[in-house]
PDB file of N, CA and C in Angstrom:
ATOM      1  N   UNK A   1     -47.455  68.559  26.818  1.00  0.00           N
ATOM      2  CA  UNK A   1     -46.867  68.068  25.579  1.00  0.00           C
ATOM      3  C   UNK A   1     -45.694  68.964  25.172  1.00  0.00           C
ATOM      4  N   UNK A   2     -44.620  68.402  24.782  1.00  0.00           N
ATOM      5  CA  UNK A   2     -43.448  69.192  24.426  1.00  0.00           C
ATOM      6  C   UNK A   2     -43.606  69.982  23.129  1.00  0.00           C
ATOM      7  N   UNK A   3     -44.580  69.631  22.278  1.00  0.00           N
ATOM      8  CA  UNK A   3     -44.745  70.367  21.033  1.00  0.00           C
ATOM      9  C   UNK A   3     -45.719  71.537  21.174  1.00  0.00           C
ATOM     10  N   UNK A   4     -46.065  71.897  22.406  1.00  0.00           N
ATOM     11  CA  UNK A   4     -46.887  73.068  22.671  1.00  0.00           C
ATOM     12  C   UNK A   4     -45.990  74.169  23.217  1.00  0.00           C
ATOM     13  N   UNK A   5     -46.390  75.399  22.971  1.00  0.00           N
ATOM     14  CA  UNK A   5     -45.607  76.550  23.420  1.00  0.00           C
ATOM     15  C   UNK A   5     -46.427  77.371  24.401  1.00  0.00           C
ATOM     16  N   UNK A   6     -45.726  77.974  25.344  1.00  0.00           N
ATOM     17  CA  UNK A   6     -46.345  78.797  26.375  1.00  0.00           C
ATOM     18  C   UNK A   6     -45.579  80.099  26.490  1.00  0.00           C
ATOM     19  N   UNK A   7     -46.286  81.142  26.887  1.00  0.00           N
ATOM     20  CA  UNK A   7     -45.644  82.415  27.168  1.00  0.00           C
ATOM     21  C   UNK A   7     -45.546  82.558  28.673  1.00  0.00           C
ATOM     22  N   UNK A   8     -44.351  82.775  29.183  1.00  0.00           N
ATOM     23  CA  UNK A   8     -44.130  82.929  30.611  1.00  0.00           C
ATOM     24  C   UNK A   8     -44.226  84.413  30.944  1.00  0.00           C
ATOM     25  N   UNK A   9     -45.269  84.799  31.682  1.00  0.00           N
ATOM     26  CA  UNK A   9     -45.483  86.213  31.985  1.00  0.00           C
ATOM     27  C   UNK A   9     -44.470  86.767  32.984  1.00  0.00           C
ATOM     28  N   UNK A  10     -43.843  85.903  33.748  1.00  0.00           N
ATOM     29  CA  UNK A  10     -42.842  86.352  34.722  1.00  0.00           C
ATOM     30  C   UNK A  10     -41.514  86.694  34.050  1.00  0.00           C
ATOM     31  N   UNK A  11     -41.137  85.922  33.037  1.00  0.00           N
ATOM     32  CA  UNK A  11     -39.845  86.127  32.380  1.00  0.00           C
ATOM     33  C   UNK A  11     -39.958  86.808  31.022  1.00  0.00           C
ATOM     34  N   UNK A  12     -41.169  86.779  30.428  1.00  0.00           N
ATOM     35  CA  UNK A  12     -41.353  87.334  29.088  1.00  0.00           C
ATOM     36  C   UNK A  12     -40.805  86.443  27.999  1.00  0.00           C
ATOM     37  N   UNK A  13     -40.568  85.178  28.335  1.00  0.00           N
ATOM     38  CA  UNK A  13     -39.986  84.231  27.391  1.00  0.00           C
ATOM     39  C   UNK A  13     -41.014  83.202  26.921  1.00  0.00           C
ATOM     40  N   UNK A  14     -40.797  82.690  25.724  1.00  0.00           N
ATOM     41  CA  UNK A  14     -41.594  81.582  25.206  1.00  0.00           C
ATOM     42  C   UNK A  14     -40.903  80.293  25.625  1.00  0.00           C
ATOM     43  N   UNK A  15     -41.709  79.354  26.111  1.00  0.00           N
ATOM     44  CA  UNK A  15     -41.171  78.066  26.557  1.00  0.00           C
ATOM     45  C   UNK A  15     -41.841  76.942  25.767  1.00  0.00           C
ATOM     46  N   UNK A  16     -41.078  75.928  25.475  1.00  0.00           N
ATOM     47  CA  UNK A  16     -41.633  74.761  24.794  1.00  0.00           C
ATOM     48  C   UNK A  16     -41.970  73.722  25.856  1.00  0.00           C
ATOM     49  N   UNK A  17     -43.256  73.383  25.961  1.00  0.00           N
ATOM     50  CA  UNK A  17     -43.712  72.462  26.992  1.00  0.00           C
ATOM     51  C   UNK A  17     -44.003  73.196  28.291  1.00  0.00           C
ATOM     52  N   UNK A  18     -44.509  72.441  29.257  1.00  0.00           N
ATOM     53  CA  UNK A  18     -44.891  73.014  30.553  1.00  0.00           C
ATOM     54  C   UNK A  18     -43.675  73.099  31.469  1.00  0.00           C
ATOM     55  N   UNK A  19     -42.854  74.108  31.224  1.00  0.00           N
ATOM     56  CA  UNK A  19     -41.608  74.287  31.954  1.00  0.00           C
ATOM     57  C   UNK A  19     -41.844  74.999  33.280  1.00  0.00           C
ATOM     58  N   UNK A  20     -42.599  76.070  33.245  1.00  0.00           N
ATOM     59  CA  UNK A  20     -42.793  76.887  34.436  1.00  0.00           C
ATOM     60  C   UNK A  20     -44.138  76.589  35.101  1.00  0.00           C
ATOM     61  N   UNK A  21     -44.334  77.183  36.258  1.00  0.00           N
ATOM     62  CA  UNK A  21     -45.563  77.018  37.029  1.00  0.00           C
ATOM     63  C   UNK A  21     -46.755  77.532  36.232  1.00  0.00           C
ATOM     64  N   UNK A  22     -47.896  76.909  36.397  1.00  0.00           N
ATOM     65  CA  UNK A  22     -49.102  77.279  35.646  1.00  0.00           C
ATOM     66  C   UNK A  22     -49.510  78.731  35.883  1.00  0.00           C
ATOM     67  N   UNK A  23     -49.204  79.278  37.051  1.00  0.00           N
ATOM     68  CA  UNK A  23     -49.598  80.645  37.378  1.00  0.00           C
ATOM     69  C   UNK A  23     -48.857  81.680  36.525  1.00  0.00           C
ATOM     70  N   UNK A  24     -47.757  81.283  35.916  1.00  0.00           N
ATOM     71  CA  UNK A  24     -46.960  82.199  35.093  1.00  0.00           C
ATOM     72  C   UNK A  24     -47.073  81.926  33.601  1.00  0.00           C
ATOM     73  N   UNK A  25     -47.955  81.002  33.207  1.00  0.00           N
ATOM     74  CA  UNK A  25     -48.034  80.597  31.800  1.00  0.00           C
ATOM     75  C   UNK A  25     -49.308  81.075  31.134  1.00  0.00           C
ATOM     76  N   UNK A  26     -49.171  81.491  29.878  1.00  0.00           N
ATOM     77  CA  UNK A  26     -50.304  81.692  28.989  1.00  0.00           C
ATOM     78  C   UNK A  26     -50.153  80.658  27.888  1.00  0.00           C
ATOM     79  N   UNK A  27     -51.228  80.002  27.551  1.00  0.00           N
ATOM     80  CA  UNK A  27     -51.144  79.001  26.493  1.00  0.00           C
ATOM     81  C   UNK A  27     -51.936  77.780  26.849  1.00  0.00           C
ATOM     82  N   UNK A  28     -51.862  76.758  26.091  1.00  0.00           N
ATOM     83  CA  UNK A  28     -50.831  76.457  25.092  1.00  0.00           C
ATOM     84  C   UNK A  28     -51.128  77.071  23.725  1.00  0.00           C
ATOM     85  N   UNK A  29     -50.069  77.225  22.955  1.00  0.00           N
ATOM     86  CA  UNK A  29     -50.132  77.705  21.588  1.00  0.00           C
ATOM     87  C   UNK A  29     -49.466  76.668  20.693  1.00  0.00           C
ATOM     88  N   UNK A  30     -49.927  76.600  19.462  1.00  0.00           N
ATOM     89  CA  UNK A  30     -49.406  75.597  18.523  1.00  0.00           C
ATOM     90  C   UNK A  30     -48.017  75.938  18.014  1.00  0.00           C
ATOM     91  N   UNK A  31     -47.702  77.239  17.955  1.00  0.00           N
ATOM     92  CA  UNK A  31     -46.400  77.647  17.423  1.00  0.00           C
ATOM     93  C   UNK A  31     -45.711  78.630  18.364  1.00  0.00           C
ATOM     94  N   UNK A  32     -44.424  78.749  18.203  1.00  0.00           N
ATOM     95  CA  UNK A  32     -43.635  79.708  18.980  1.00  0.00           C
ATOM     96  C   UNK A  32     -44.095  81.140  18.685  1.00  0.00           C
ATOM     97  N   UNK A  33     -44.397  81.413  17.430  1.00  0.00           N
ATOM     98  CA  UNK A  33     -44.831  82.758  17.045  1.00  0.00           C
ATOM     99  C   UNK A  33     -46.147  83.137  17.726  1.00  0.00           C
ATOM    100  N   UNK A  34     -47.097  82.218  17.776  1.00  0.00           N
ATOM    101  CA  UNK A  34     -48.354  82.485  18.467  1.00  0.00           C
ATOM    102  C   UNK A  34     -48.096  82.818  19.939  1.00  0.00           C
ATOM    103  N   UNK A  35     -47.224  82.057  20.564  1.00  0.00           N
ATOM    104  CA  UNK A  35     -46.906  82.290  21.973  1.00  0.00           C
ATOM    105  C   UNK A  35     -46.233  83.644  22.172  1.00  0.00           C
ATOM    106  N   UNK A  36     -45.421  84.076  21.208  1.00  0.00           N
ATOM    107  CA  UNK A  36     -44.758  85.375  21.314  1.00  0.00           C
ATOM    108  C   UNK A  36     -45.762  86.521  21.330  1.00  0.00           C
ATOM    109  N   UNK A  37     -46.932  86.306  20.759  1.00  0.00           N
ATOM    110  CA  UNK A  37     -47.964  87.346  20.692  1.00  0.00           C
ATOM    111  C   UNK A  37     -49.065  87.144  21.729  1.00  0.00           C
ATOM    112  N   UNK A  38     -48.797  86.331  22.731  1.00  0.00           N
ATOM    113  CA  UNK A  38     -49.807  85.998  23.744  1.00  0.00           C
ATOM    114  C   UNK A  38     -50.317  87.226  24.494  1.00  0.00           C
ATOM    115  N   UNK A  39     -49.430  88.122  24.885  1.00  0.00           N
ATOM    116  CA  UNK A  39     -49.868  89.309  25.634  1.00  0.00           C
ATOM    117  C   UNK A  39     -50.735  90.221  24.776  1.00  0.00           C
ATOM    118  N   UNK A  40     -50.392  90.374  23.518  1.00  0.00           N
ATOM    119  CA  UNK A  40     -51.207  91.191  22.619  1.00  0.00           C
ATOM    120  C   UNK A  40     -52.615  90.613  22.506  1.00  0.00           C
ATOM    121  N   UNK A  41     -52.684  89.308  22.358  1.00  0.00           N
ATOM    122  CA  UNK A  41     -53.977  88.645  22.241  1.00  0.00           C
ATOM    123  C   UNK A  41     -54.784  88.787  23.530  1.00  0.00           C
ATOM    124  N   UNK A  42     -54.135  88.638  24.659  1.00  0.00           N
ATOM    125  CA  UNK A  42     -54.816  88.763  25.953  1.00  0.00           C
ATOM    126  C   UNK A  42     -55.318  90.196  26.151  1.00  0.00           C
ATOM    127  N   UNK A  43     -54.520  91.179  25.777  1.00  0.00           N
ATOM    128  CA  UNK A  43     -54.943  92.577  25.898  1.00  0.00           C
ATOM    129  C   UNK A  43     -56.151  92.857  25.011  1.00  0.00           C
ATOM    130  N   UNK A  44     -56.131  92.334  23.798  1.00  0.00           N
ATOM    131  CA  UNK A  44     -57.245  92.550  22.871  1.00  0.00           C
ATOM    132  C   UNK A  44     -58.526  91.921  23.407  1.00  0.00           C
ATOM    133  N   UNK A  45     -58.414  90.729  23.968  1.00  0.00           N
ATOM    134  CA  UNK A  45     -59.595  90.073  24.544  1.00  0.00           C
ATOM    135  C   UNK A  45     -60.131  90.860  25.732  1.00  0.00           C
ATOM    136  N   UNK A  46     -59.250  91.321  26.579  1.00  0.00           N
ATOM    137  CA  UNK A  46     -59.671  92.102  27.740  1.00  0.00           C
ATOM    138  C   UNK A  46     -60.373  93.381  27.303  1.00  0.00           C
ATOM    139  N   UNK A  47     -59.827  94.042  26.299  1.00  0.00           N
ATOM    140  CA  UNK A  47     -60.440  95.265  25.798  1.00  0.00           C
ATOM    141  C   UNK A  47     -61.819  94.981  25.215  1.00  0.00           C
ATOM    142  N   UNK A  48     -61.949  93.882  24.488  1.00  0.00           N
ATOM    143  CA  UNK A  48     -63.241  93.511  23.908  1.00  0.00           C
ATOM    144  C   UNK A  48     -64.266  93.241  25.006  1.00  0.00           C
ATOM    145  N   UNK A  49     -63.852  92.556  26.078  1.00  0.00           N
ATOM    146  CA  UNK A  49     -64.763  92.285  27.191  1.00  0.00           C
ATOM    147  C   UNK A  49     -65.187  93.578  27.872  1.00  0.00           C
ATOM    148  N   UNK A  50     -64.229  94.487  28.073  1.00  0.00           N
ATOM    149  CA  UNK A  50     -64.551  95.778  28.690  1.00  0.00           C
ATOM    150  C   UNK A  50     -65.530  96.560  27.831  1.00  0.00           C
ATOM    151  N   UNK A  51     -65.302  96.563  26.523  1.00  0.00           N
ATOM    152  CA  UNK A  51     -66.200  97.265  25.607  1.00  0.00           C
ATOM    153  C   UNK A  51     -67.598  96.658  25.651  1.00  0.00           C
ATOM    154  N   UNK A  52     -67.653  95.336  25.692  1.00  0.00           N
ATOM    155  CA  UNK A  52     -68.946  94.644  25.755  1.00  0.00           C
ATOM    156  C   UNK A  52     -69.691  94.989  27.049  1.00  0.00           C
ATOM    157  N   UNK A  53     -68.985  94.983  28.154  1.00  0.00           N
ATOM    158  CA  UNK A  53     -69.611  95.331  29.447  1.00  0.00           C
ATOM    159  C   UNK A  53     -70.106  96.769  29.440  1.00  0.00           C
ATOM    160  N   UNK A  54     -69.321  97.659  28.874  1.00  0.00           N
ATOM    161  CA  UNK A  54     -69.705  99.067  28.807  1.00  0.00           C
ATOM    162  C   UNK A  54     -70.976  99.223  27.970  1.00  0.00           C
ATOM    163  N   UNK A  55     -71.064  98.483  26.870  1.00  0.00           N
ATOM    164  CA  UNK A  55     -72.241  98.534  26.007  1.00  0.00           C
ATOM    165  C   UNK A  55     -73.460  97.982  26.715  1.00  0.00           C
ATOM    166  N   UNK A  56     -73.296  96.898  27.460  1.00  0.00           N
ATOM    167  CA  UNK A  56     -74.413  96.282  28.182  1.00  0.00           C
ATOM    168  C   UNK A  56     -74.947  97.208  29.272  1.00  0.00           C
ATOM    169  N   UNK A  57     -74.075  98.008  29.875  1.00  0.00           N
ATOM    170  CA  UNK A  57     -74.501  98.924  30.943  1.00  0.00           C
ATOM    171  C   UNK A  57     -75.211 100.160  30.404  1.00  0.00           C
ATOM    172  N   UNK A  58     -75.004 100.443  29.124  1.00  0.00           N
ATOM    173  CA  UNK A  58     -75.592 101.652  28.525  1.00  0.00           C
ATOM    174  C   UNK A  58     -77.065 101.490  28.254  1.00  0.00           C
TER     175      UNK A  58
END
């Protein structure tokens, strides 16, 4: 859909619609601003998963 936004991890750019290959996209996001913060959100989720795994192993 053209009204969805994606973050392209290869270029670091926000794209409107499915412009690039799926392997380079994070999303979809409802707004351009959400897509601009895609890497921050992905890092936070990864950190939360790592913390959860560490807690489960303890």
